[in-house]
């Protein structure tokens, strides 16, 4: 039984590592996309300040959602670790 719990704990640890790496990669892609779009939109004279403000708010909302999602996943992994540590 102990071997099964150890294998399950290793599996969850592996999944956590895969998630962390994937999430960090996604962050880099999203941040670079934001930078690229800001540069592109900044050169368009027909985009109003209000339009730019709305785009900035969208990026801020995306970052907030991204951080909330990460926090929820981290809490889930913490709960898994507590379960395995109890046995």
PDB file of N, CA and C in Angstrom:
ATOM      1  N   UNK A   1       0.817  -1.185   0.000  1.00  0.00           N
ATOM      2  CA  UNK A   1       0.000   0.000   0.000  1.00  0.00           C
ATOM      3  C   UNK A   1       0.867   1.257   0.000  1.00  0.00           C
ATOM      4  N   UNK A   2       1.974   1.190   0.723  1.00  0.00           N
ATOM      5  CA  UNK A   2       2.875   2.348   0.786  1.00  0.00           C
ATOM      6  C   UNK A   2       3.486   2.639  -0.582  1.00  0.00           C
ATOM      7  N   UNK A   3       3.777   1.595  -1.335  1.00  0.00           N
ATOM      8  CA  UNK A   3       4.353   1.761  -2.668  1.00  0.00           C
ATOM      9  C   UNK A   3       3.363   2.462  -3.594  1.00  0.00           C
ATOM     10  N   UNK A   4       2.097   2.126  -3.481  1.00  0.00           N
ATOM     11  CA  UNK A   4       1.067   2.747  -4.303  1.00  0.00           C
ATOM     12  C   UNK A   4       0.947   4.232  -3.972  1.00  0.00           C
ATOM     13  N   UNK A   5       0.964   4.564  -2.700  1.00  0.00           N
ATOM     14  CA  UNK A   5       0.874   5.966  -2.290  1.00  0.00           C
ATOM     15  C   UNK A   5       2.098   6.744  -2.770  1.00  0.00           C
ATOM     16  N   UNK A   6       3.254   6.114  -2.691  1.00  0.00           N
ATOM     17  CA  UNK A   6       4.479   6.778  -3.145  1.00  0.00           C
ATOM     18  C   UNK A   6       4.421   7.016  -4.654  1.00  0.00           C
ATOM     19  N   UNK A   7       3.946   6.038  -5.400  1.00  0.00           N
ATOM     20  CA  UNK A   7       3.832   6.175  -6.857  1.00  0.00           C
ATOM     21  C   UNK A   7       2.820   7.268  -7.208  1.00  0.00           C
ATOM     22  N   UNK A   8       1.719   7.311  -6.481  1.00  0.00           N
ATOM     23  CA  UNK A   8       0.703   8.335  -6.736  1.00  0.00           C
ATOM     24  C   UNK A   8       1.251   9.723  -6.426  1.00  0.00           C
ATOM     25  N   UNK A   9       2.002   9.834  -5.351  1.00  0.00           N
ATOM     26  CA  UNK A   9       2.601  11.125  -4.980  1.00  0.00           C
ATOM     27  C   UNK A   9       3.608  11.578  -6.047  1.00  0.00           C
ATOM     28  N   UNK A  10       4.388  10.646  -6.562  1.00  0.00           N
ATOM     29  CA  UNK A  10       5.334  10.979  -7.633  1.00  0.00           C
ATOM     30  C   UNK A  10       4.601  11.402  -8.902  1.00  0.00           C
ATOM     31  N   UNK A  11       3.492  10.726  -9.190  1.00  0.00           N
ATOM     32  CA  UNK A  11       2.708  11.062 -10.371  1.00  0.00           C
ATOM     33  C   UNK A  11       2.127  12.480 -10.252  1.00  0.00           C
ATOM     34  N   UNK A  12       1.614  12.810  -9.087  1.00  0.00           N
ATOM     35  CA  UNK A  12       1.070  14.154  -8.873  1.00  0.00           C
ATOM     36  C   UNK A  12       2.191  15.182  -8.957  1.00  0.00           C
ATOM     37  N   UNK A  13       3.346  14.859  -8.420  1.00  0.00           N
ATOM     38  CA  UNK A  13       4.495  15.764  -8.512  1.00  0.00           C
ATOM     39  C   UNK A  13       4.906  16.002  -9.956  1.00  0.00           C
ATOM     40  N   UNK A  14       4.887  14.936 -10.750  1.00  0.00           N
ATOM     41  CA  UNK A  14       5.216  15.071 -12.174  1.00  0.00           C
ATOM     42  C   UNK A  14       4.195  15.949 -12.885  1.00  0.00           C
ATOM     43  N   UNK A  15       2.909  15.720 -12.600  1.00  0.00           N
ATOM     44  CA  UNK A  15       1.853  16.519 -13.212  1.00  0.00           C
ATOM     45  C   UNK A  15       1.970  17.989 -12.813  1.00  0.00           C
ATOM     46  N   UNK A  16       2.332  18.225 -11.566  1.00  0.00           N
ATOM     47  CA  UNK A  16       2.517  19.605 -11.098  1.00  0.00           C
ATOM     48  C   UNK A  16       3.658  20.274 -11.855  1.00  0.00           C
ATOM     49  N   UNK A  17       4.749  19.554 -12.049  1.00  0.00           N
ATOM     50  CA  UNK A  17       5.890  20.094 -12.792  1.00  0.00           C
ATOM     51  C   UNK A  17       5.509  20.400 -14.240  1.00  0.00           C
ATOM     52  N   UNK A  18       4.774  19.494 -14.863  1.00  0.00           N
ATOM     53  CA  UNK A  18       4.324  19.715 -16.243  1.00  0.00           C
ATOM     54  C   UNK A  18       3.423  20.942 -16.299  1.00  0.00           C
ATOM     55  N   UNK A  19       2.507  21.062 -15.341  1.00  0.00           N
ATOM     56  CA  UNK A  19       1.622  22.229 -15.309  1.00  0.00           C
ATOM     57  C   UNK A  19       2.425  23.511 -15.150  1.00  0.00           C
ATOM     58  N   UNK A  20       3.367  23.527 -14.212  1.00  0.00           N
ATOM     59  CA  UNK A  20       4.180  24.727 -13.965  1.00  0.00           C
ATOM     60  C   UNK A  20       4.911  25.150 -15.238  1.00  0.00           C
ATOM     61  N   UNK A  21       5.532  24.199 -15.911  1.00  0.00           N
ATOM     62  CA  UNK A  21       6.273  24.518 -17.135  1.00  0.00           C
ATOM     63  C   UNK A  21       5.347  25.021 -18.236  1.00  0.00           C
ATOM     64  N   UNK A  22       4.220  24.368 -18.402  1.00  0.00           N
ATOM     65  CA  UNK A  22       3.256  24.786 -19.422  1.00  0.00           C
ATOM     66  C   UNK A  22       2.691  26.161 -19.102  1.00  0.00           C
ATOM     67  N   UNK A  23       2.381  26.385 -17.842  1.00  0.00           N
ATOM     68  CA  UNK A  23       1.818  27.670 -17.423  1.00  0.00           C
ATOM     69  C   UNK A  23       2.828  28.796 -17.636  1.00  0.00           C
ATOM     70  N   UNK A  24       4.069  28.555 -17.286  1.00  0.00           N
ATOM     71  CA  UNK A  24       5.101  29.573 -17.484  1.00  0.00           C
ATOM     72  C   UNK A  24       5.302  29.876 -18.972  1.00  0.00           C
ATOM     73  N   UNK A  25       5.242  28.849 -19.800  1.00  0.00           N
ATOM     74  CA  UNK A  25       5.353  29.052 -21.246  1.00  0.00           C
ATOM     75  C   UNK A  25       4.185  29.882 -21.762  1.00  0.00           C
ATOM     76  N   UNK A  26       2.993  29.561 -21.278  1.00  0.00           N
ATOM     77  CA  UNK A  26       1.812  30.321 -21.676  1.00  0.00           C
ATOM     78  C   UNK A  26       1.941  31.783 -21.251  1.00  0.00           C
ATOM     79  N   UNK A  27       2.471  32.029 -20.058  1.00  0.00           N
ATOM     80  CA  UNK A  27       2.679  33.404 -19.592  1.00  0.00           C
ATOM     81  C   UNK A  27       3.604  34.177 -20.528  1.00  0.00           C
ATOM     82  N   UNK A  28       4.680  33.541 -20.926  1.00  0.00           N
ATOM     83  CA  UNK A  28       5.638  34.199 -21.819  1.00  0.00           C
ATOM     84  C   UNK A  28       4.970  34.538 -23.152  1.00  0.00           C
ATOM     85  N   UNK A  29       4.227  33.588 -23.701  1.00  0.00           N
ATOM     86  CA  UNK A  29       3.556  33.818 -24.986  1.00  0.00           C
ATOM     87  C   UNK A  29       2.540  34.954 -24.852  1.00  0.00           C
ATOM     88  N   UNK A  30       1.746  34.939 -23.801  1.00  0.00           N
ATOM     89  CA  UNK A  30       0.743  35.989 -23.621  1.00  0.00           C
ATOM     90  C   UNK A  30       1.389  37.354 -23.401  1.00  0.00           C
ATOM     91  N   UNK A  31       2.440  37.406 -22.630  1.00  0.00           N
ATOM     92  CA  UNK A  31       3.120  38.682 -22.389  1.00  0.00           C
ATOM     93  C   UNK A  31       3.754  39.223 -23.670  1.00  0.00           C
ATOM     94  N   UNK A  32       4.352  38.349 -24.458  1.00  0.00           N
ATOM     95  CA  UNK A  32       4.951  38.787 -25.718  1.00  0.00           C
ATOM     96  C   UNK A  32       3.876  39.243 -26.709  1.00  0.00           C
ATOM     97  N   UNK A  33       2.754  38.555 -26.709  1.00  0.00           N
ATOM     98  CA  UNK A  33       1.641  38.960 -27.575  1.00  0.00           C
ATOM     99  C   UNK A  33       1.126  40.334 -27.167  1.00  0.00           C
ATOM    100  N   UNK A  34       1.015  40.558 -25.868  1.00  0.00           N
ATOM    101  CA  UNK A  34       0.588  41.873 -25.376  1.00  0.00           C
ATOM    102  C   UNK A  34       1.552  42.962 -25.819  1.00  0.00           C
ATOM    103  N   UNK A  35       2.836  42.723 -25.668  1.00  0.00           N
ATOM    104  CA  UNK A  35       3.838  43.712 -26.086  1.00  0.00           C
ATOM    105  C   UNK A  35       3.748  43.992 -27.584  1.00  0.00           C
ATOM    106  N   UNK A  36       3.609  42.934 -28.365  1.00  0.00           N
ATOM    107  CA  UNK A  36       3.538  43.082 -29.809  1.00  0.00           C
ATOM    108  C   UNK A  36       2.287  43.875 -30.214  1.00  0.00           C
ATOM    109  N   UNK A  37       1.152  43.546 -29.607  1.00  0.00           N
ATOM    110  CA  UNK A  37      -0.078  44.259 -29.939  1.00  0.00           C
ATOM    111  C   UNK A  37      -0.028  45.718 -29.495  1.00  0.00           C
ATOM    112  N   UNK A  38       0.553  45.976 -28.335  1.00  0.00           N
ATOM    113  CA  UNK A  38       0.681  47.367 -27.881  1.00  0.00           C
ATOM    114  C   UNK A  38       1.543  48.179 -28.843  1.00  0.00           C
ATOM    115  N   UNK A  39       2.620  47.596 -29.315  1.00  0.00           N
ATOM    116  CA  UNK A  39       3.464  48.285 -30.294  1.00  0.00           C
ATOM    117  C   UNK A  39       2.728  48.507 -31.609  1.00  0.00           C
ATOM    118  N   UNK A  40       2.003  47.506 -32.047  1.00  0.00           N
ATOM    119  CA  UNK A  40       1.271  47.591 -33.298  1.00  0.00           C
ATOM    120  C   UNK A  40       0.144  48.626 -33.210  1.00  0.00           C
ATOM    121  N   UNK A  41      -0.617  48.567 -32.137  1.00  0.00           N
ATOM    122  CA  UNK A  41      -1.743  49.489 -31.962  1.00  0.00           C
ATOM    123  C   UNK A  41      -1.253  50.912 -31.730  1.00  0.00           C
ATOM    124  N   UNK A  42      -0.122  51.053 -31.061  1.00  0.00           N
ATOM    125  CA  UNK A  42       0.428  52.381 -30.810  1.00  0.00           C
ATOM    126  C   UNK A  42       0.792  53.128 -32.083  1.00  0.00           C
ATOM    127  N   UNK A  43       1.005  52.394 -33.167  1.00  0.00           N
ATOM    128  CA  UNK A  43       1.383  53.019 -34.438  1.00  0.00           C
ATOM    129  C   UNK A  43       0.181  53.290 -35.342  1.00  0.00           C
ATOM    130  N   UNK A  44      -1.003  52.928 -34.874  1.00  0.00           N
ATOM    131  CA  UNK A  44      -2.214  53.156 -35.661  1.00  0.00           C
ATOM    132  C   UNK A  44      -2.846  54.470 -35.229  1.00  0.00           C
ATOM    133  N   UNK A  45      -2.855  55.473 -36.090  1.00  0.00           N
ATOM    134  CA  UNK A  45      -3.384  56.777 -35.691  1.00  0.00           C
ATOM    135  C   UNK A  45      -4.899  56.787 -35.488  1.00  0.00           C
ATOM    136  N   UNK A  46      -5.623  55.843 -36.050  1.00  0.00           N
ATOM    137  CA  UNK A  46      -7.074  55.860 -35.936  1.00  0.00           C
ATOM    138  C   UNK A  46      -7.591  55.178 -34.661  1.00  0.00           C
ATOM    139  N   UNK A  47      -6.706  54.556 -33.883  1.00  0.00           N
ATOM    140  CA  UNK A  47      -7.127  53.950 -32.619  1.00  0.00           C
ATOM    141  C   UNK A  47      -7.149  55.054 -31.562  1.00  0.00           C
ATOM    142  N   UNK A  48      -8.303  55.241 -30.968  1.00  0.00           N
ATOM    143  CA  UNK A  48      -8.470  56.318 -29.988  1.00  0.00           C
ATOM    144  C   UNK A  48      -7.859  55.922 -28.645  1.00  0.00           C
ATOM    145  N   UNK A  49      -7.720  56.908 -27.782  1.00  0.00           N
ATOM    146  CA  UNK A  49      -7.208  56.649 -26.424  1.00  0.00           C
ATOM    147  C   UNK A  49      -8.174  55.755 -25.652  1.00  0.00           C
ATOM    148  N   UNK A  50      -9.470  55.959 -25.898  1.00  0.00           N
ATOM    149  CA  UNK A  50     -10.452  55.113 -25.235  1.00  0.00           C
ATOM    150  C   UNK A  50     -10.304  53.658 -25.694  1.00  0.00           C
ATOM    151  N   UNK A  51     -10.054  53.466 -26.972  1.00  0.00           N
ATOM    152  CA  UNK A  51      -9.828  52.128 -27.495  1.00  0.00           C
ATOM    153  C   UNK A  51      -8.590  51.480 -26.889  1.00  0.00           C
ATOM    154  N   UNK A  52      -7.535  52.265 -26.772  1.00  0.00           N
ATOM    155  CA  UNK A  52      -6.299  51.751 -26.165  1.00  0.00           C
ATOM    156  C   UNK A  52      -6.533  51.405 -24.695  1.00  0.00           C
ATOM    157  N   UNK A  53      -7.327  52.235 -24.020  1.00  0.00           N
ATOM    158  CA  UNK A  53      -7.627  51.987 -22.608  1.00  0.00           C
ATOM    159  C   UNK A  53      -8.396  50.673 -22.452  1.00  0.00           C
ATOM    160  N   UNK A  54      -9.352  50.435 -23.348  1.00  0.00           N
ATOM    161  CA  UNK A  54     -10.119  49.197 -23.284  1.00  0.00           C
ATOM    162  C   UNK A  54      -9.238  47.974 -23.552  1.00  0.00           C
ATOM    163  N   UNK A  55      -8.319  48.110 -24.460  1.00  0.00           N
ATOM    164  CA  UNK A  55      -7.392  47.010 -24.735  1.00  0.00           C
ATOM    165  C   UNK A  55      -6.510  46.747 -23.517  1.00  0.00           C
ATOM    166  N   UNK A  56      -6.021  47.806 -22.883  1.00  0.00           N
ATOM    167  CA  UNK A  56      -5.205  47.648 -21.674  1.00  0.00           C
ATOM    168  C   UNK A  56      -6.004  46.984 -20.555  1.00  0.00           C
ATOM    169  N   UNK A  57      -7.282  47.353 -20.428  1.00  0.00           N
ATOM    170  CA  UNK A  57      -8.133  46.733 -19.412  1.00  0.00           C
ATOM    171  C   UNK A  57      -8.342  45.251 -19.702  1.00  0.00           C
ATOM    172  N   UNK A  58      -8.446  44.907 -20.982  1.00  0.00           N
ATOM    173  CA  UNK A  58      -8.590  43.511 -21.360  1.00  0.00           C
ATOM    174  C   UNK A  58      -7.341  42.718 -20.978  1.00  0.00           C
ATOM    175  N   UNK A  59      -6.170  43.291 -21.240  1.00  0.00           N
ATOM    176  CA  UNK A  59      -4.926  42.613 -20.855  1.00  0.00           C
ATOM    177  C   UNK A  59      -4.832  42.475 -19.332  1.00  0.00           C
ATOM    178  N   UNK A  60      -5.240  43.508 -18.606  1.00  0.00           N
ATOM    179  CA  UNK A  60      -5.203  43.443 -17.141  1.00  0.00           C
ATOM    180  C   UNK A  60      -6.152  42.364 -16.629  1.00  0.00           C
ATOM    181  N   UNK A  61      -7.335  42.274 -17.225  1.00  0.00           N
ATOM    182  CA  UNK A  61      -8.287  41.241 -16.834  1.00  0.00           C
ATOM    183  C   UNK A  61      -7.727  39.850 -17.123  1.00  0.00           C
ATOM    184  N   UNK A  62      -7.093  39.700 -18.261  1.00  0.00           N
ATOM    185  CA  UNK A  62      -6.503  38.412 -18.623  1.00  0.00           C
ATOM    186  C   UNK A  62      -5.435  38.004 -17.603  1.00  0.00           C
ATOM    187  N   UNK A  63      -4.604  38.951 -17.203  1.00  0.00           N
ATOM    188  CA  UNK A  63      -3.560  38.645 -16.210  1.00  0.00           C
ATOM    189  C   UNK A  63      -4.173  38.269 -14.869  1.00  0.00           C
ATOM    190  N   UNK A  64      -5.237  38.976 -14.472  1.00  0.00           N
ATOM    191  CA  UNK A  64      -5.901  38.673 -13.204  1.00  0.00           C
ATOM    192  C   UNK A  64      -6.486  37.262 -13.252  1.00  0.00           C
ATOM    193  N   UNK A  65      -7.176  36.936 -14.347  1.00  0.00           N
ATOM    194  CA  UNK A  65      -7.750  35.603 -14.490  1.00  0.00           C
ATOM    195  C   UNK A  65      -6.656  34.535 -14.485  1.00  0.00           C
ATOM    196  N   UNK A  66      -5.570  34.816 -15.166  1.00  0.00           N
ATOM    197  CA  UNK A  66      -4.448  33.886 -15.235  1.00  0.00           C
ATOM    198  C   UNK A  66      -3.889  33.628 -13.836  1.00  0.00           C
ATOM    199  N   UNK A  67      -3.730  34.683 -13.039  1.00  0.00           N
ATOM    200  CA  UNK A  67      -3.207  34.530 -11.681  1.00  0.00           C
ATOM    201  C   UNK A  67      -4.200  33.813 -10.766  1.00  0.00           C
ATOM    202  N   UNK A  68      -5.495  34.103 -10.928  1.00  0.00           N
ATOM    203  CA  UNK A  68      -6.518  33.412 -10.136  1.00  0.00           C
ATOM    204  C   UNK A  68      -6.552  31.923 -10.479  1.00  0.00           C
ATOM    205  N   UNK A  69      -6.430  31.617 -11.758  1.00  0.00           N
ATOM    206  CA  UNK A  69      -6.406  30.222 -12.198  1.00  0.00           C
ATOM    207  C   UNK A  69      -5.208  29.491 -11.594  1.00  0.00           C
ATOM    208  N   UNK A  70      -4.054  30.119 -11.642  1.00  0.00           N
ATOM    209  CA  UNK A  70      -2.827  29.518 -11.085  1.00  0.00           C
ATOM    210  C   UNK A  70      -2.983  29.271  -9.588  1.00  0.00           C
ATOM    211  N   UNK A  71      -3.569  30.245  -8.905  1.00  0.00           N
ATOM    212  CA  UNK A  71      -3.772  30.104  -7.462  1.00  0.00           C
ATOM    213  C   UNK A  71      -4.689  28.917  -7.155  1.00  0.00           C
ATOM    214  N   UNK A  72      -5.761  28.757  -7.916  1.00  0.00           N
ATOM    215  CA  UNK A  72      -6.689  27.643  -7.701  1.00  0.00           C
ATOM    216  C   UNK A  72      -6.000  26.297  -7.943  1.00  0.00           C
ATOM    217  N   UNK A  73      -5.214  26.211  -8.992  1.00  0.00           N
ATOM    218  CA  UNK A  73      -4.497  24.964  -9.286  1.00  0.00           C
ATOM    219  C   UNK A  73      -3.483  24.661  -8.186  1.00  0.00           C
ATOM    220  N   UNK A  74      -2.750  25.678  -7.743  1.00  0.00           N
ATOM    221  CA  UNK A  74      -1.774  25.473  -6.663  1.00  0.00           C
ATOM    222  C   UNK A  74      -2.452  24.996  -5.381  1.00  0.00           C
ATOM    223  N   UNK A  75      -3.625  25.542  -5.089  1.00  0.00           N
ATOM    224  CA  UNK A  75      -4.363  25.097  -3.896  1.00  0.00           C
ATOM    225  C   UNK A  75      -4.786  23.636  -4.033  1.00  0.00           C
ATOM    226  N   UNK A  76      -5.161  23.249  -5.237  1.00  0.00           N
ATOM    227  CA  UNK A  76      -5.519  21.847  -5.475  1.00  0.00           C
ATOM    228  C   UNK A  76      -4.340  20.915  -5.259  1.00  0.00           C
ATOM    229  N   UNK A  77      -3.188  21.291  -5.761  1.00  0.00           N
ATOM    230  CA  UNK A  77      -1.992  20.458  -5.543  1.00  0.00           C
ATOM    231  C   UNK A  77      -1.612  20.415  -4.065  1.00  0.00           C
ATOM    232  N   UNK A  78      -1.809  21.508  -3.369  1.00  0.00           N
ATOM    233  CA  UNK A  78      -1.534  21.529  -1.925  1.00  0.00           C
ATOM    234  C   UNK A  78      -2.442  20.540  -1.204  1.00  0.00           C
ATOM    235  N   UNK A  79      -3.712  20.477  -1.612  1.00  0.00           N
ATOM    236  CA  UNK A  79      -4.640  19.532  -0.998  1.00  0.00           C
ATOM    237  C   UNK A  79      -4.222  18.087  -1.283  1.00  0.00           C
ATOM    238  N   UNK A  80      -3.783  17.815  -2.508  1.00  0.00           N
ATOM    239  CA  UNK A  80      -3.282  16.481  -2.825  1.00  0.00           C
ATOM    240  C   UNK A  80      -2.091  16.127  -1.938  1.00  0.00           C
ATOM    241  N   UNK A  81      -1.178  17.051  -1.769  1.00  0.00           N
ATOM    242  CA  UNK A  81      -0.001  16.778  -0.946  1.00  0.00           C
ATOM    243  C   UNK A  81      -0.388  16.517   0.499  1.00  0.00           C
ATOM    244  N   UNK A  82      -1.371  17.221   1.005  1.00  0.00           N
ATOM    245  CA  UNK A  82      -1.839  16.990   2.381  1.00  0.00           C
ATOM    246  C   UNK A  82      -2.422  15.596   2.521  1.00  0.00           C
ATOM    247  N   UNK A  83      -3.166  15.152   1.517  1.00  0.00           N
ATOM    248  CA  UNK A  83      -3.751  13.816   1.554  1.00  0.00           C
ATOM    249  C   UNK A  83      -2.674  12.748   1.615  1.00  0.00           C
ATOM    250  N   UNK A  84      -1.637  12.899   0.786  1.00  0.00           N
ATOM    251  CA  UNK A  84      -0.571  11.903   0.755  1.00  0.00           C
ATOM    252  C   UNK A  84       0.289  11.968   2.005  1.00  0.00           C
ATOM    253  N   UNK A  85       0.433  13.120   2.604  1.00  0.00           N
ATOM    254  CA  UNK A  85       1.253  13.245   3.801  1.00  0.00           C
ATOM    255  C   UNK A  85       0.552  12.669   5.025  1.00  0.00           C
ATOM    256  N   UNK A  86      -0.764  12.548   5.008  1.00  0.00           N
ATOM    257  CA  UNK A  86      -1.508  12.011   6.143  1.00  0.00           C
ATOM    258  C   UNK A  86      -1.311  10.518   6.292  1.00  0.00           C
ATOM    259  N   UNK A  87      -1.015   9.845   5.189  1.00  0.00           N
ATOM    260  CA  UNK A  87      -0.940   8.376   5.244  1.00  0.00           C
ATOM    261  C   UNK A  87       0.432   7.894   5.570  1.00  0.00           C
TER     262      UNK A  87
END
